[in-house]
N, C-alpha and C. Protein backbone atom coordinates (compact mmCIF):
# COMPACT_ATOMS: atom_id res chain seq x y z
N MET A 1 50.81 -33.59 32.57
CA MET A 1 49.92 -33.81 33.71
C MET A 1 49.55 -32.46 34.32
N THR A 2 48.25 -32.21 34.45
CA THR A 2 47.77 -30.94 34.98
C THR A 2 46.86 -31.20 36.17
N ILE A 3 47.19 -30.62 37.31
CA ILE A 3 46.36 -30.72 38.51
C ILE A 3 45.59 -29.41 38.64
N LEU A 4 44.27 -29.50 38.66
CA LEU A 4 43.43 -28.31 38.78
C LEU A 4 42.23 -28.65 39.65
N GLU A 5 42.14 -27.99 40.80
CA GLU A 5 41.04 -28.27 41.71
C GLU A 5 39.75 -27.58 41.29
N SER A 6 38.64 -28.18 41.68
CA SER A 6 37.33 -27.66 41.33
C SER A 6 36.93 -26.52 42.26
N LYS A 7 36.08 -25.64 41.74
CA LYS A 7 35.49 -24.58 42.55
C LYS A 7 34.07 -24.93 42.98
N LEU A 8 33.60 -26.12 42.59
CA LEU A 8 32.24 -26.54 42.89
C LEU A 8 32.17 -27.24 44.25
N SER A 9 31.07 -27.03 44.95
CA SER A 9 30.86 -27.64 46.26
C SER A 9 29.86 -28.78 46.15
N PRO A 10 30.19 -29.95 46.69
CA PRO A 10 29.24 -31.08 46.64
C PRO A 10 27.89 -30.75 47.26
N GLU A 11 27.85 -29.81 48.21
CA GLU A 11 26.58 -29.44 48.84
C GLU A 11 25.62 -28.80 47.85
N ASN A 12 26.15 -28.25 46.76
CA ASN A 12 25.31 -27.58 45.76
C ASN A 12 24.95 -28.49 44.58
N ALA A 13 25.40 -29.72 44.62
CA ALA A 13 25.13 -30.65 43.52
C ALA A 13 23.66 -31.06 43.51
N VAL A 14 23.18 -31.44 42.32
CA VAL A 14 21.78 -31.87 42.17
C VAL A 14 21.64 -33.38 42.17
N GLU A 15 22.76 -34.11 42.01
CA GLU A 15 22.72 -35.58 42.01
C GLU A 15 23.97 -36.13 42.67
N HIS A 16 23.80 -37.21 43.45
CA HIS A 16 24.90 -37.98 44.02
C HIS A 16 24.56 -39.46 43.82
N HIS A 17 25.47 -40.21 43.23
CA HIS A 17 25.25 -41.64 43.04
C HIS A 17 26.54 -42.39 43.41
N THR A 18 26.43 -43.36 44.29
CA THR A 18 27.58 -44.22 44.60
C THR A 18 27.46 -45.50 43.77
N ILE A 19 28.51 -45.79 43.01
CA ILE A 19 28.51 -46.92 42.09
C ILE A 19 29.51 -47.96 42.59
N GLY A 20 29.01 -49.11 42.95
CA GLY A 20 29.88 -50.17 43.45
C GLY A 20 30.76 -50.76 42.36
N ALA A 21 31.85 -51.38 42.75
CA ALA A 21 32.73 -52.03 41.79
C ALA A 21 31.96 -53.11 41.04
N GLY A 22 32.05 -53.09 39.71
CA GLY A 22 31.34 -54.04 38.88
C GLY A 22 29.96 -53.57 38.48
N ASP A 23 29.51 -52.44 39.02
CA ASP A 23 28.21 -51.88 38.66
C ASP A 23 28.40 -50.80 37.59
N TYR A 24 27.28 -50.26 37.09
CA TYR A 24 27.36 -49.25 36.03
C TYR A 24 26.56 -48.02 36.38
N TYR A 25 26.84 -46.94 35.66
CA TYR A 25 26.08 -45.68 35.71
C TYR A 25 25.74 -45.33 34.27
N PHE A 26 24.45 -45.12 34.01
CA PHE A 26 24.01 -44.81 32.65
C PHE A 26 22.94 -43.73 32.78
N ALA A 27 23.27 -42.50 32.37
CA ALA A 27 22.34 -41.40 32.59
C ALA A 27 22.68 -40.24 31.66
N PRO A 28 21.69 -39.39 31.37
CA PRO A 28 21.94 -38.20 30.56
C PRO A 28 22.64 -37.11 31.35
N LEU A 29 23.40 -36.30 30.65
CA LEU A 29 24.03 -35.10 31.20
C LEU A 29 23.72 -33.97 30.22
N LYS A 30 23.01 -32.96 30.68
CA LYS A 30 22.59 -31.89 29.79
C LYS A 30 23.72 -30.90 29.53
N LYS A 31 23.65 -30.23 28.38
CA LYS A 31 24.63 -29.21 28.04
C LYS A 31 24.74 -28.20 29.16
N GLY A 32 25.95 -27.94 29.60
CA GLY A 32 26.20 -26.99 30.68
C GLY A 32 26.31 -27.64 32.04
N GLN A 33 25.78 -28.85 32.20
CA GLN A 33 25.93 -29.54 33.47
C GLN A 33 27.36 -30.06 33.62
N THR A 34 27.77 -30.25 34.88
CA THR A 34 29.11 -30.74 35.18
C THR A 34 29.02 -32.05 35.95
N LEU A 35 29.82 -33.01 35.54
CA LEU A 35 29.87 -34.33 36.19
C LEU A 35 31.23 -34.52 36.84
N ARG A 36 31.22 -34.94 38.09
CA ARG A 36 32.47 -35.32 38.77
C ARG A 36 32.47 -36.82 39.01
N ILE A 37 33.56 -37.48 38.66
CA ILE A 37 33.78 -38.88 39.03
C ILE A 37 34.79 -38.86 40.16
N LEU A 38 34.36 -39.33 41.32
CA LEU A 38 35.17 -39.26 42.54
C LEU A 38 35.66 -40.65 42.91
N ASP A 39 36.97 -40.79 42.99
CA ASP A 39 37.60 -42.06 43.38
C ASP A 39 37.58 -42.13 44.90
N LEU A 40 36.62 -42.86 45.47
CA LEU A 40 36.38 -42.80 46.91
C LEU A 40 37.53 -43.38 47.74
N GLU A 41 38.05 -44.52 47.32
CA GLU A 41 39.07 -45.18 48.13
C GLU A 41 40.45 -45.20 47.49
N GLY A 42 40.52 -44.76 46.22
CA GLY A 42 41.82 -44.66 45.56
C GLY A 42 42.16 -45.84 44.68
N ASN A 43 42.90 -45.55 43.60
CA ASN A 43 43.44 -46.57 42.70
C ASN A 43 42.35 -47.38 41.99
N GLN A 44 41.20 -46.75 41.72
CA GLN A 44 40.12 -47.40 41.01
C GLN A 44 40.14 -46.96 39.54
N ALA A 45 39.47 -47.66 38.67
CA ALA A 45 39.37 -47.31 37.25
C ALA A 45 37.90 -47.21 36.86
N ALA A 46 37.55 -46.16 36.12
CA ALA A 46 36.16 -45.95 35.68
C ALA A 46 36.14 -45.91 34.16
N ASP A 47 35.68 -46.99 33.53
CA ASP A 47 35.66 -47.12 32.07
C ASP A 47 34.40 -46.45 31.54
N THR A 48 34.58 -45.38 30.75
CA THR A 48 33.46 -44.49 30.44
C THR A 48 33.31 -44.23 28.94
N LEU A 49 32.06 -44.26 28.49
CA LEU A 49 31.68 -43.94 27.12
C LEU A 49 30.74 -42.73 27.14
N PHE A 50 30.80 -41.93 26.06
CA PHE A 50 29.89 -40.80 25.92
C PHE A 50 29.22 -40.86 24.55
N PHE A 51 27.93 -40.51 24.53
CA PHE A 51 27.15 -40.48 23.29
C PHE A 51 26.41 -39.15 23.19
N ASN A 52 26.22 -38.69 21.95
CA ASN A 52 25.33 -37.57 21.70
C ASN A 52 23.91 -38.04 22.04
N ALA A 53 23.26 -37.36 22.99
CA ALA A 53 21.94 -37.81 23.44
C ALA A 53 20.90 -37.77 22.34
N ALA A 54 21.10 -36.88 21.35
CA ALA A 54 20.13 -36.75 20.26
C ALA A 54 20.36 -37.74 19.14
N ASP A 55 21.58 -38.31 19.06
CA ASP A 55 21.92 -39.24 17.98
C ASP A 55 23.11 -40.06 18.45
N VAL A 56 22.83 -41.27 18.97
CA VAL A 56 23.89 -42.06 19.60
C VAL A 56 24.92 -42.61 18.62
N SER A 57 24.67 -42.44 17.31
CA SER A 57 25.71 -42.82 16.35
C SER A 57 26.89 -41.86 16.44
N GLU A 58 26.68 -40.70 17.05
CA GLU A 58 27.79 -39.78 17.33
C GLU A 58 28.25 -40.06 18.75
N ARG A 59 29.50 -40.41 18.92
CA ARG A 59 30.00 -40.84 20.22
C ARG A 59 31.45 -40.43 20.41
N TYR A 60 31.92 -40.56 21.63
CA TYR A 60 33.30 -40.21 21.95
C TYR A 60 34.27 -40.94 21.03
N SER A 61 35.27 -40.21 20.57
CA SER A 61 36.29 -40.78 19.69
C SER A 61 37.67 -40.50 20.27
N ALA A 62 38.37 -41.56 20.65
CA ALA A 62 39.75 -41.41 21.11
C ALA A 62 40.62 -40.85 20.00
N THR A 63 40.40 -41.31 18.76
CA THR A 63 41.21 -40.88 17.63
C THR A 63 41.13 -39.38 17.42
N ASP A 64 39.92 -38.85 17.36
CA ASP A 64 39.75 -37.41 17.13
C ASP A 64 40.25 -36.60 18.31
N THR A 65 40.01 -37.08 19.52
CA THR A 65 40.45 -36.36 20.70
C THR A 65 41.97 -36.28 20.77
N ILE A 66 42.64 -37.41 20.55
CA ILE A 66 44.10 -37.44 20.61
C ILE A 66 44.69 -36.56 19.51
N ARG A 67 44.15 -36.66 18.30
CA ARG A 67 44.68 -35.86 17.19
C ARG A 67 44.57 -34.37 17.46
N GLU A 68 43.41 -33.93 17.92
CA GLU A 68 43.19 -32.50 18.09
C GLU A 68 43.99 -31.91 19.25
N GLN A 69 44.20 -32.69 20.32
CA GLN A 69 44.94 -32.13 21.45
C GLN A 69 46.44 -32.44 21.38
N GLY A 70 46.83 -33.38 20.49
CA GLY A 70 48.24 -33.70 20.35
C GLY A 70 48.83 -34.36 21.58
N ASN A 71 48.01 -35.17 22.28
CA ASN A 71 48.47 -35.82 23.50
C ASN A 71 47.64 -37.08 23.70
N VAL A 72 48.27 -38.18 24.09
CA VAL A 72 47.53 -39.43 24.24
C VAL A 72 46.85 -39.53 25.60
N TYR A 73 47.18 -38.63 26.52
CA TYR A 73 46.56 -38.66 27.83
C TYR A 73 45.56 -37.52 27.98
N LEU A 74 44.62 -37.70 28.88
CA LEU A 74 43.60 -36.69 29.15
C LEU A 74 43.83 -36.08 30.52
N THR A 75 43.58 -34.77 30.61
CA THR A 75 43.76 -34.06 31.87
C THR A 75 42.97 -32.77 31.81
N ALA A 76 43.09 -31.93 32.83
CA ALA A 76 42.35 -30.66 32.84
C ALA A 76 42.65 -29.87 31.57
N GLY A 77 41.60 -29.38 30.94
CA GLY A 77 41.74 -28.65 29.68
C GLY A 77 41.50 -29.50 28.45
N SER A 78 41.52 -30.82 28.59
CA SER A 78 41.25 -31.69 27.45
C SER A 78 39.79 -31.55 27.02
N VAL A 79 39.58 -31.45 25.71
CA VAL A 79 38.24 -31.43 25.14
C VAL A 79 37.98 -32.81 24.54
N LEU A 80 36.94 -33.47 25.01
CA LEU A 80 36.59 -34.80 24.52
C LEU A 80 35.76 -34.63 23.26
N ARG A 81 36.24 -35.19 22.15
CA ARG A 81 35.62 -34.97 20.86
C ARG A 81 34.94 -36.23 20.34
N SER A 82 33.97 -36.03 19.45
CA SER A 82 33.19 -37.14 18.91
C SER A 82 33.80 -37.65 17.61
N ASN A 83 33.21 -38.73 17.09
CA ASN A 83 33.65 -39.27 15.80
C ASN A 83 33.30 -38.34 14.64
N LEU A 84 32.54 -37.27 14.89
CA LEU A 84 32.30 -36.22 13.90
C LEU A 84 33.17 -35.01 14.20
N ASN A 85 34.10 -35.17 15.12
CA ASN A 85 35.04 -34.13 15.55
C ASN A 85 34.34 -32.95 16.21
N ASN A 86 33.19 -33.19 16.80
CA ASN A 86 32.51 -32.15 17.56
C ASN A 86 32.91 -32.23 19.02
N PRO A 87 33.07 -31.09 19.70
CA PRO A 87 33.37 -31.12 21.13
C PRO A 87 32.18 -31.62 21.93
N MET A 88 32.40 -32.60 22.79
CA MET A 88 31.34 -33.19 23.58
C MET A 88 31.38 -32.72 25.04
N LEU A 89 32.56 -32.77 25.62
CA LEU A 89 32.76 -32.36 27.01
C LEU A 89 34.16 -31.77 27.16
N GLU A 90 34.34 -30.98 28.20
CA GLU A 90 35.67 -30.46 28.53
C GLU A 90 35.99 -30.82 29.97
N ILE A 91 37.20 -31.34 30.18
CA ILE A 91 37.64 -31.63 31.55
C ILE A 91 38.01 -30.30 32.21
N THR A 92 37.24 -29.93 33.22
CA THR A 92 37.38 -28.60 33.84
C THR A 92 38.10 -28.64 35.18
N ALA A 93 38.25 -29.81 35.76
CA ALA A 93 39.01 -29.96 37.00
C ALA A 93 39.53 -31.39 37.07
N ASP A 94 40.69 -31.55 37.67
CA ASP A 94 41.31 -32.87 37.71
C ASP A 94 42.36 -32.89 38.81
N THR A 95 42.15 -33.71 39.83
CA THR A 95 43.16 -33.81 40.90
C THR A 95 43.96 -35.10 40.80
N CYS A 96 43.68 -35.91 39.77
CA CYS A 96 44.49 -37.10 39.49
C CYS A 96 45.64 -36.73 38.56
N GLY A 97 45.30 -36.03 37.47
CA GLY A 97 46.33 -35.48 36.60
C GLY A 97 46.48 -36.13 35.24
N ARG A 98 46.05 -37.38 35.10
CA ARG A 98 46.23 -38.04 33.81
C ARG A 98 45.30 -39.24 33.72
N HIS A 99 44.68 -39.41 32.54
CA HIS A 99 43.73 -40.50 32.34
C HIS A 99 43.98 -41.15 30.99
N ASP A 100 43.72 -42.44 30.91
CA ASP A 100 44.02 -43.24 29.72
C ASP A 100 42.85 -43.27 28.75
N THR A 101 43.15 -43.18 27.45
CA THR A 101 42.11 -43.39 26.43
C THR A 101 42.59 -44.34 25.33
N LEU A 102 43.61 -45.16 25.66
CA LEU A 102 44.17 -46.10 24.69
C LEU A 102 43.94 -47.57 25.08
N GLY A 103 43.91 -47.85 26.36
CA GLY A 103 43.95 -49.23 26.83
C GLY A 103 42.69 -50.03 26.63
N GLY A 104 41.58 -49.36 26.34
CA GLY A 104 40.33 -50.08 26.13
C GLY A 104 39.74 -50.63 27.41
N ALA A 105 38.66 -51.38 27.26
CA ALA A 105 37.94 -51.92 28.42
C ALA A 105 38.15 -53.42 28.52
N CYS A 106 38.12 -53.92 29.75
CA CYS A 106 38.27 -55.36 29.94
C CYS A 106 37.01 -56.09 29.46
N ALA A 107 37.21 -57.26 28.91
CA ALA A 107 36.13 -58.11 28.42
C ALA A 107 36.48 -59.55 28.73
N THR A 108 35.50 -60.43 28.66
CA THR A 108 35.80 -61.84 28.92
C THR A 108 36.82 -62.37 27.92
N GLU A 109 36.73 -61.88 26.69
CA GLU A 109 37.68 -62.34 25.65
C GLU A 109 39.10 -61.88 25.96
N SER A 110 39.24 -60.60 26.34
CA SER A 110 40.58 -60.09 26.63
C SER A 110 41.13 -60.71 27.92
N ASN A 111 40.26 -61.01 28.89
CA ASN A 111 40.74 -61.71 30.09
C ASN A 111 41.35 -63.05 29.72
N THR A 112 40.73 -63.73 28.75
CA THR A 112 41.24 -65.02 28.32
C THR A 112 42.59 -64.88 27.63
N VAL A 113 42.69 -63.87 26.72
CA VAL A 113 43.92 -63.69 25.94
C VAL A 113 45.06 -63.20 26.82
N ARG A 114 44.77 -62.25 27.71
CA ARG A 114 45.83 -61.64 28.51
C ARG A 114 46.27 -62.49 29.69
N TYR A 115 45.33 -63.25 30.26
CA TYR A 115 45.61 -63.87 31.54
C TYR A 115 45.54 -65.40 31.48
N ASP A 116 44.34 -65.96 31.35
CA ASP A 116 44.22 -67.41 31.37
C ASP A 116 42.80 -67.78 30.97
N LEU A 117 42.64 -68.96 30.42
CA LEU A 117 41.31 -69.42 30.01
C LEU A 117 40.34 -69.40 31.19
N GLU A 118 40.83 -69.73 32.38
CA GLU A 118 39.95 -69.79 33.55
C GLU A 118 39.47 -68.40 33.98
N LYS A 119 40.09 -67.34 33.46
CA LYS A 119 39.67 -65.98 33.80
C LYS A 119 38.50 -65.51 32.94
N ARG A 120 38.12 -66.28 31.95
CA ARG A 120 37.11 -65.84 30.99
C ARG A 120 35.79 -65.44 31.66
N CYS A 121 35.38 -66.19 32.64
CA CYS A 121 34.06 -65.95 33.25
C CYS A 121 34.09 -64.89 34.34
N MET A 122 35.23 -64.27 34.58
CA MET A 122 35.29 -63.19 35.56
C MET A 122 34.57 -61.97 34.99
N HIS A 123 33.90 -61.23 35.85
CA HIS A 123 33.14 -60.07 35.41
C HIS A 123 34.07 -59.06 34.75
N ALA A 124 33.54 -58.34 33.75
CA ALA A 124 34.34 -57.38 32.99
C ALA A 124 33.49 -56.16 32.64
N CYS A 125 34.17 -55.06 32.30
CA CYS A 125 33.47 -53.81 32.01
C CYS A 125 32.52 -53.94 30.82
N ARG A 126 32.93 -54.68 29.82
CA ARG A 126 32.03 -54.82 28.67
C ARG A 126 30.72 -55.51 29.08
N ASP A 127 30.79 -56.44 30.02
CA ASP A 127 29.57 -57.06 30.54
C ASP A 127 28.67 -56.03 31.22
N SER A 128 29.29 -55.13 31.97
CA SER A 128 28.52 -54.08 32.64
C SER A 128 27.83 -53.19 31.62
N TRP A 129 28.54 -52.83 30.55
CA TRP A 129 27.93 -52.00 29.50
C TRP A 129 26.77 -52.74 28.83
N MET A 130 26.95 -54.02 28.55
CA MET A 130 25.88 -54.79 27.91
C MET A 130 24.64 -54.87 28.80
N LEU A 131 24.86 -55.02 30.10
CA LEU A 131 23.74 -55.04 31.04
C LEU A 131 23.04 -53.68 31.06
N ALA A 132 23.82 -52.61 31.07
CA ALA A 132 23.24 -51.26 31.07
C ALA A 132 22.39 -51.02 29.83
N VAL A 133 22.91 -51.42 28.69
CA VAL A 133 22.18 -51.25 27.42
C VAL A 133 20.87 -52.05 27.46
N ALA A 134 20.95 -53.26 27.97
CA ALA A 134 19.76 -54.12 28.02
C ALA A 134 18.70 -53.58 28.98
N GLU A 135 19.15 -52.97 30.08
CA GLU A 135 18.21 -52.48 31.08
C GLU A 135 17.69 -51.08 30.80
N HIS A 136 18.29 -50.39 29.80
CA HIS A 136 17.86 -49.02 29.48
C HIS A 136 17.66 -48.85 27.98
N PRO A 137 16.67 -49.56 27.40
CA PRO A 137 16.42 -49.41 25.96
C PRO A 137 15.94 -48.01 25.59
N GLU A 138 15.47 -47.23 26.57
CA GLU A 138 14.96 -45.89 26.27
C GLU A 138 16.04 -44.96 25.72
N TYR A 139 17.31 -45.28 25.92
CA TYR A 139 18.38 -44.42 25.42
C TYR A 139 18.78 -44.74 23.98
N GLY A 140 18.33 -45.87 23.46
CA GLY A 140 18.58 -46.19 22.07
C GLY A 140 20.00 -46.64 21.77
N VAL A 141 20.76 -47.01 22.77
CA VAL A 141 22.13 -47.50 22.58
C VAL A 141 22.10 -49.02 22.44
N SER A 142 22.87 -49.54 21.51
CA SER A 142 22.94 -50.98 21.29
C SER A 142 24.39 -51.45 21.33
N LYS A 143 24.56 -52.74 21.23
CA LYS A 143 25.90 -53.34 21.27
C LYS A 143 26.81 -52.74 20.20
N ARG A 144 26.25 -52.42 19.03
CA ARG A 144 27.07 -51.89 17.94
C ARG A 144 27.62 -50.50 18.25
N ASP A 145 27.05 -49.81 19.24
CA ASP A 145 27.49 -48.46 19.58
C ASP A 145 28.63 -48.45 20.58
N ILE A 146 29.02 -49.60 21.09
CA ILE A 146 30.09 -49.67 22.09
C ILE A 146 31.44 -49.64 21.36
N THR A 147 32.20 -48.57 21.62
CA THR A 147 33.47 -48.40 20.90
C THR A 147 34.51 -47.79 21.84
N HIS A 148 35.31 -46.82 21.36
CA HIS A 148 36.38 -46.23 22.19
C HIS A 148 35.85 -45.78 23.55
N ASN A 149 36.64 -46.01 24.57
CA ASN A 149 36.26 -45.52 25.90
C ASN A 149 37.43 -44.81 26.57
N ILE A 150 37.10 -44.10 27.63
CA ILE A 150 38.11 -43.48 28.48
C ILE A 150 38.21 -44.29 29.76
N ASN A 151 39.43 -44.52 30.23
CA ASN A 151 39.66 -45.18 31.50
C ASN A 151 40.09 -44.12 32.51
N PHE A 152 39.12 -43.49 33.13
CA PHE A 152 39.46 -42.46 34.11
C PHE A 152 40.20 -43.09 35.28
N PHE A 153 41.27 -42.44 35.71
CA PHE A 153 42.15 -42.82 36.82
C PHE A 153 43.12 -43.95 36.45
N MET A 154 42.98 -44.55 35.30
CA MET A 154 43.81 -45.71 34.95
C MET A 154 45.16 -45.26 34.40
N ASN A 155 46.21 -45.99 34.77
CA ASN A 155 47.58 -45.67 34.38
C ASN A 155 48.05 -46.68 33.34
N VAL A 156 48.16 -46.24 32.08
CA VAL A 156 48.61 -47.11 30.98
C VAL A 156 49.77 -46.41 30.27
N PRO A 157 50.97 -46.56 30.78
CA PRO A 157 52.12 -45.91 30.15
C PRO A 157 52.39 -46.46 28.75
N VAL A 158 52.85 -45.56 27.87
CA VAL A 158 53.28 -45.94 26.53
C VAL A 158 54.79 -46.19 26.58
N THR A 159 55.21 -47.36 26.13
CA THR A 159 56.63 -47.69 26.18
C THR A 159 57.39 -47.00 25.05
N ALA A 160 58.70 -47.01 25.14
CA ALA A 160 59.55 -46.39 24.11
C ALA A 160 59.34 -47.06 22.75
N GLU A 161 58.92 -48.32 22.77
CA GLU A 161 58.68 -49.05 21.53
C GLU A 161 57.27 -48.83 20.98
N GLY A 162 56.46 -48.07 21.71
CA GLY A 162 55.11 -47.78 21.25
C GLY A 162 54.07 -48.75 21.77
N GLY A 163 54.43 -49.61 22.69
CA GLY A 163 53.47 -50.54 23.28
C GLY A 163 52.79 -49.93 24.49
N LEU A 164 51.84 -50.68 25.04
CA LEU A 164 51.11 -50.23 26.23
C LEU A 164 51.38 -51.18 27.38
N THR A 165 51.49 -50.63 28.58
CA THR A 165 51.64 -51.44 29.77
C THR A 165 50.59 -51.02 30.79
N PHE A 166 50.08 -51.98 31.55
CA PHE A 166 49.12 -51.68 32.61
C PHE A 166 49.89 -51.59 33.91
N ALA A 167 49.90 -50.38 34.49
CA ALA A 167 50.71 -50.14 35.67
C ALA A 167 49.84 -49.79 36.87
N ASP A 168 50.46 -49.76 38.03
CA ASP A 168 49.76 -49.39 39.24
C ASP A 168 49.15 -48.00 39.08
N GLY A 169 47.94 -47.81 39.60
CA GLY A 169 47.24 -46.55 39.43
C GLY A 169 47.96 -45.37 40.05
N ILE A 170 47.64 -44.18 39.57
CA ILE A 170 48.25 -42.95 40.10
C ILE A 170 47.22 -42.13 40.87
N SER A 171 46.03 -42.68 41.02
CA SER A 171 45.00 -41.97 41.77
C SER A 171 45.12 -42.30 43.25
N GLY A 172 44.30 -41.62 44.05
CA GLY A 172 44.27 -41.85 45.48
C GLY A 172 42.89 -41.55 46.03
N ALA A 173 42.65 -41.92 47.26
CA ALA A 173 41.35 -41.69 47.87
C ALA A 173 40.99 -40.21 47.84
N GLY A 174 39.79 -39.91 47.32
CA GLY A 174 39.33 -38.53 47.28
C GLY A 174 39.71 -37.76 46.04
N LYS A 175 40.47 -38.36 45.13
CA LYS A 175 40.80 -37.68 43.89
C LYS A 175 39.64 -37.77 42.91
N TYR A 176 39.57 -36.81 42.00
CA TYR A 176 38.41 -36.74 41.12
C TYR A 176 38.78 -36.12 39.78
N VAL A 177 37.90 -36.34 38.83
CA VAL A 177 37.96 -35.67 37.53
C VAL A 177 36.58 -35.10 37.27
N GLU A 178 36.54 -33.90 36.73
CA GLU A 178 35.29 -33.19 36.52
C GLU A 178 35.21 -32.74 35.07
N MET A 179 34.03 -32.85 34.46
CA MET A 179 33.89 -32.44 33.07
C MET A 179 32.53 -31.78 32.86
N THR A 180 32.53 -30.76 32.00
CA THR A 180 31.32 -30.02 31.68
C THR A 180 30.86 -30.40 30.29
N ALA A 181 29.56 -30.69 30.14
CA ALA A 181 29.00 -31.11 28.86
C ALA A 181 28.89 -29.92 27.92
N LEU A 182 29.37 -30.08 26.69
CA LEU A 182 29.28 -29.06 25.64
C LEU A 182 28.13 -29.34 24.69
N MET A 183 27.47 -30.48 24.88
CA MET A 183 26.23 -30.85 24.19
C MET A 183 25.48 -31.77 25.13
N ASP A 184 24.23 -32.07 24.85
CA ASP A 184 23.50 -33.07 25.63
C ASP A 184 24.11 -34.44 25.35
N VAL A 185 24.56 -35.12 26.40
CA VAL A 185 25.22 -36.41 26.21
C VAL A 185 24.59 -37.48 27.10
N LEU A 186 24.88 -38.72 26.74
CA LEU A 186 24.61 -39.87 27.60
C LEU A 186 25.95 -40.34 28.15
N VAL A 187 25.99 -40.62 29.43
CA VAL A 187 27.21 -41.09 30.10
C VAL A 187 27.00 -42.55 30.48
N LEU A 188 27.88 -43.42 29.99
CA LEU A 188 27.84 -44.84 30.32
C LEU A 188 29.17 -45.21 30.96
N MET A 189 29.14 -45.49 32.27
CA MET A 189 30.37 -45.78 33.00
C MET A 189 30.27 -47.15 33.66
N SER A 190 31.32 -47.95 33.48
CA SER A 190 31.46 -49.20 34.21
C SER A 190 32.55 -49.01 35.26
N ASN A 191 32.19 -49.21 36.52
CA ASN A 191 33.18 -49.14 37.58
C ASN A 191 33.94 -50.46 37.59
N CYS A 192 35.16 -50.42 37.10
CA CYS A 192 35.89 -51.63 36.72
C CYS A 192 36.06 -52.64 37.86
N PRO A 193 35.71 -53.91 37.60
CA PRO A 193 35.86 -54.97 38.59
C PRO A 193 37.14 -55.79 38.41
N GLN A 194 38.06 -55.29 37.59
CA GLN A 194 39.23 -56.09 37.17
C GLN A 194 40.08 -56.53 38.36
N LEU A 195 40.38 -57.82 38.41
CA LEU A 195 41.21 -58.40 39.47
C LEU A 195 42.55 -58.92 38.96
N ASN A 196 42.77 -58.80 37.63
CA ASN A 196 43.93 -59.46 37.02
C ASN A 196 45.09 -58.52 36.70
N ASN A 197 44.85 -57.21 36.72
CA ASN A 197 45.95 -56.27 36.52
C ASN A 197 45.83 -55.16 37.55
N PRO A 198 46.87 -54.36 37.72
CA PRO A 198 46.91 -53.41 38.84
C PRO A 198 46.13 -52.12 38.63
N CYS A 199 45.22 -52.07 37.63
CA CYS A 199 44.52 -50.82 37.34
C CYS A 199 43.71 -50.32 38.53
N ASN A 200 43.30 -51.22 39.42
CA ASN A 200 42.62 -50.79 40.64
C ASN A 200 43.19 -51.50 41.87
N GLY A 201 44.48 -51.77 41.79
CA GLY A 201 45.18 -52.34 42.94
C GLY A 201 44.71 -53.73 43.33
N TYR A 202 44.10 -54.46 42.37
CA TYR A 202 43.56 -55.80 42.63
C TYR A 202 42.48 -55.79 43.72
N ASN A 203 41.91 -54.61 43.95
CA ASN A 203 40.89 -54.46 45.00
C ASN A 203 39.85 -53.44 44.53
N PRO A 204 38.91 -53.84 43.67
CA PRO A 204 37.92 -52.90 43.14
C PRO A 204 37.09 -52.25 44.25
N THR A 205 36.89 -50.92 44.13
CA THR A 205 36.19 -50.15 45.16
C THR A 205 35.17 -49.21 44.50
N PRO A 206 34.25 -48.63 45.28
CA PRO A 206 33.22 -47.76 44.70
C PRO A 206 33.77 -46.43 44.21
N VAL A 207 33.00 -45.81 43.31
CA VAL A 207 33.23 -44.43 42.91
C VAL A 207 31.92 -43.67 43.11
N GLU A 208 32.00 -42.36 43.17
CA GLU A 208 30.80 -41.54 43.29
C GLU A 208 30.66 -40.65 42.07
N MET A 209 29.43 -40.55 41.57
CA MET A 209 29.10 -39.68 40.44
C MET A 209 28.30 -38.51 40.98
N ILE A 210 28.80 -37.29 40.76
CA ILE A 210 28.16 -36.09 41.30
C ILE A 210 27.87 -35.15 40.13
N VAL A 211 26.67 -34.57 40.09
CA VAL A 211 26.25 -33.72 38.98
C VAL A 211 25.82 -32.36 39.52
N TRP A 212 26.31 -31.31 38.83
CA TRP A 212 25.88 -29.94 39.09
C TRP A 212 25.16 -29.38 37.88
N ASP A 213 24.14 -28.57 38.11
CA ASP A 213 23.50 -27.85 37.01
C ASP A 213 24.45 -26.80 36.48
N ALA A 214 24.11 -26.27 35.29
CA ALA A 214 24.93 -25.22 34.66
C ALA A 214 25.15 -24.07 35.62
N GLN A 215 26.37 -23.59 35.67
CA GLN A 215 26.72 -22.51 36.58
C GLN A 215 26.33 -21.15 36.00
N ALA A 216 25.80 -20.29 36.85
CA ALA A 216 25.38 -18.95 36.41
C ALA A 216 26.58 -18.11 36.05
């Protein structure tokens, strides 16, 4: 776990977007730009996918990222790699300290399997991604492109037996993770609405997306 504060000032940012729980953010991030995901009220989870803006068949790969860094968690200094093993983004600041890339995203199907049949119709991150894809055909992303994701701020400990557990979050109000694009990318984030596990304290809250242009 690495805690590293940012040197960037929100007053100098070129974009600010507040994303409500259950809503999505889908936008390009140019090479050299920096994106901050800010946990406004604490203990929230931001399920995020990254694509090469020039060819969306190249996308974030948990497998390549974990292999190259030799660690299942993401933190300051982690380089997010694609399925072609190309560097996509680097985490340049992090006041949370650790982020999950194993637990996957909630879906109506997984809600049914993990919790109860009656939970199937509860909103899920995969639904948010499908809505984003449908509302933004200009990016060329389709259902088949939805794969490994990062759960920023989410706490998914690995047990001694090699299993995964969903635990209470380790983030807090005002904590953030910041990453700089190493290529032109598309960012697709679902602000998790999950009410069935403690990934957001059973109380989904907004996050803020802040973008800075490349630093001189």
